[in-house]
Amino acid sequence: MEEQNKFFCEEMIAMAREGHDGEDGWTKLSRVEPEGIDVFERKVSWSQVPQLRSRWTASCGVEKVGEFFVTGQTDTSALFDSES
């Protein structure tokens, strides 16, 4: 089980490489508006199901995004405020 966990951990870390979407086989599947979330898909040899990944670029700092999740907020409009 430990060997399997290590393998999938390595695969998941590799999926997160920024700037290597095409090289890693990722294609943009869709975009969720108005939030601006991009959804990507790729096929891998180690799974019969395509892998999905999402990416959202915030217009505010990481501190504000962290605060949003820690405090359990649900209104995302503050994250899109350009004065943040």
C-alpha atoms as a PDB file:
ATOM      1  CA  MET A   1       0.000   0.000   0.000  1.00  0.00           C
ATOM      2  CA  GLU A   2       2.858   2.381   0.814  1.00  0.00           C
ATOM      3  CA  GLU A   3       4.373   1.829  -2.639  1.00  0.00           C
ATOM      4  CA  GLN A   4       1.027   2.561  -4.306  1.00  0.00           C
ATOM      5  CA  ASN A   5       0.578   5.751  -2.263  1.00  0.00           C
ATOM      6  CA  LYS A   6       4.064   6.899  -3.236  1.00  0.00           C
ATOM      7  CA  PHE A   7       3.348   6.269  -6.930  1.00  0.00           C
ATOM      8  CA  PHE A   8       0.090   8.257  -6.924  1.00  0.00           C
ATOM      9  CA  CYS A   9       1.656  11.037  -4.864  1.00  0.00           C
ATOM     10  CA  GLU A  10       4.380  11.420  -7.487  1.00  0.00           C
ATOM     11  CA  GLU A  11       1.783  11.416 -10.266  1.00  0.00           C
ATOM     12  CA  MET A  12      -0.323  14.083  -8.542  1.00  0.00           C
ATOM     13  CA  ILE A  13       2.692  16.333  -7.910  1.00  0.00           C
ATOM     14  CA  ALA A  14       3.663  16.024 -11.575  1.00  0.00           C
ATOM     15  CA  MET A  15       0.153  17.161 -12.575  1.00  0.00           C
ATOM     16  CA  ALA A  16       0.635  20.439 -10.730  1.00  0.00           C
ATOM     17  CA  ARG A  17       3.607  21.686 -12.782  1.00  0.00           C
ATOM     18  CA  GLU A  18       2.808  25.190 -13.939  1.00  0.00           C
ATOM     19  CA  GLY A  19       3.478  26.043 -17.585  1.00  0.00           C
ATOM     20  CA  HIS A  20       3.651  22.447 -18.850  1.00  0.00           C
ATOM     21  CA  ASP A  21       0.002  21.769 -19.764  1.00  0.00           C
ATOM     22  CA  GLY A  22       0.628  20.787 -23.392  1.00  0.00           C
ATOM     23  CA  GLU A  23       3.734  18.804 -22.580  1.00  0.00           C
ATOM     24  CA  ASP A  24       1.878  16.905 -19.844  1.00  0.00           C
ATOM     25  CA  GLY A  25      -1.133  16.130 -22.058  1.00  0.00           C
ATOM     26  CA  TRP A  26      -3.603  18.591 -20.514  1.00  0.00           C
ATOM     27  CA  THR A  27      -6.245  20.183 -22.731  1.00  0.00           C
ATOM     28  CA  LYS A  28      -8.658  22.903 -21.667  1.00  0.00           C
ATOM     29  CA  LEU A  29     -12.080  21.330 -21.319  1.00  0.00           C
ATOM     30  CA  SER A  30     -14.157  24.345 -20.259  1.00  0.00           C
ATOM     31  CA  ARG A  31     -14.299  27.616 -18.359  1.00  0.00           C
ATOM     32  CA  VAL A  32     -16.741  28.305 -15.522  1.00  0.00           C
ATOM     33  CA  GLU A  33     -18.012  31.888 -15.531  1.00  0.00           C
ATOM     34  CA  PRO A  34     -18.307  34.330 -13.821  1.00  0.00           C
ATOM     35  CA  GLU A  35     -15.710  32.853 -11.447  1.00  0.00           C
ATOM     36  CA  GLY A  36     -13.187  32.301 -14.239  1.00  0.00           C
ATOM     37  CA  ILE A  37     -12.302  28.721 -13.291  1.00  0.00           C
ATOM     38  CA  ASP A  38     -10.550  26.807 -16.076  1.00  0.00           C
ATOM     39  CA  VAL A  39     -11.143  23.039 -16.198  1.00  0.00           C
ATOM     40  CA  PHE A  40      -8.531  20.794 -17.836  1.00  0.00           C
ATOM     41  CA  GLU A  41      -8.574  17.120 -18.800  1.00  0.00           C
ATOM     42  CA  ARG A  42      -5.983  14.523 -19.757  1.00  0.00           C
ATOM     43  CA  LYS A  43      -5.830  10.794 -20.363  1.00  0.00           C
ATOM     44  CA  VAL A  44      -3.232   8.770 -18.466  1.00  0.00           C
ATOM     45  CA  SER A  45      -2.044   5.187 -18.784  1.00  0.00           C
ATOM     46  CA  TRP A  46      -2.605   4.436 -15.110  1.00  0.00           C
ATOM     47  CA  SER A  47      -6.357   5.236 -15.076  1.00  0.00           C
ATOM     48  CA  GLN A  48      -9.315   4.293 -17.254  1.00  0.00           C
ATOM     49  CA  VAL A  49     -10.984   7.591 -16.336  1.00  0.00           C
ATOM     50  CA  PRO A  50      -9.666  10.920 -17.695  1.00  0.00           C
ATOM     51  CA  GLN A  51      -8.007  13.076 -15.053  1.00  0.00           C
ATOM     52  CA  LEU A  52      -9.582  16.459 -14.317  1.00  0.00           C
ATOM     53  CA  ARG A  53      -7.918  19.532 -12.886  1.00  0.00           C
ATOM     54  CA  SER A  54      -9.148  23.054 -12.265  1.00  0.00           C
ATOM     55  CA  ARG A  55      -7.293  26.344 -12.073  1.00  0.00           C
ATOM     56  CA  TRP A  56      -8.476  29.655 -10.735  1.00  0.00           C
ATOM     57  CA  THR A  57      -6.401  32.804 -10.720  1.00  0.00           C
ATOM     58  CA  ALA A  58      -7.404  35.201  -7.975  1.00  0.00           C
ATOM     59  CA  SER A  59      -7.119  38.951  -8.355  1.00  0.00           C
ATOM     60  CA  CYS A  60      -6.242  39.255  -4.670  1.00  0.00           C
ATOM     61  CA  GLY A  61      -3.421  38.000  -2.484  1.00  0.00           C
ATOM     62  CA  VAL A  62      -3.021  34.522  -1.071  1.00  0.00           C
ATOM     63  CA  GLU A  63      -3.789  35.856   2.427  1.00  0.00           C
ATOM     64  CA  LYS A  64      -7.274  36.922   1.351  1.00  0.00           C
ATOM     65  CA  VAL A  65      -7.942  33.579  -0.337  1.00  0.00           C
ATOM     66  CA  GLY A  66      -6.769  31.743   2.797  1.00  0.00           C
ATOM     67  CA  GLU A  67      -8.994  33.917   4.985  1.00  0.00           C
ATOM     68  CA  PHE A  68     -11.941  33.132   2.689  1.00  0.00           C
ATOM     69  CA  PHE A  69     -11.554  29.383   3.242  1.00  0.00           C
ATOM     70  CA  VAL A  70     -10.669  29.538   6.943  1.00  0.00           C
ATOM     71  CA  THR A  71     -13.670  31.691   7.824  1.00  0.00           C
ATOM     72  CA  GLY A  72     -16.090  29.590   5.737  1.00  0.00           C
ATOM     73  CA  GLN A  73     -17.267  32.469   3.568  1.00  0.00           C
ATOM     74  CA  THR A  74     -19.474  31.681   0.591  1.00  0.00           C
ATOM     75  CA  ASP A  75     -19.653  35.054  -1.184  1.00  0.00           C
ATOM     76  CA  THR A  76     -16.753  35.057  -3.652  1.00  0.00           C
ATOM     77  CA  SER A  77     -17.329  38.643  -4.788  1.00  0.00           C
ATOM     78  CA  ALA A  78     -14.747  39.939  -2.295  1.00  0.00           C
ATOM     79  CA  LEU A  79     -12.105  37.803  -3.999  1.00  0.00           C
ATOM     80  CA  PHE A  80     -12.788  39.537  -7.300  1.00  0.00           C
ATOM     81  CA  ASP A  81     -12.662  43.065  -5.862  1.00  0.00           C
ATOM     82  CA  SER A  82      -9.851  44.839  -7.709  1.00  0.00           C
ATOM     83  CA  GLU A  83      -9.134  47.029  -4.662  1.00  0.00           C
ATOM     84  CA  SER A  84      -8.282  43.990  -2.495  1.00  0.00           C
END
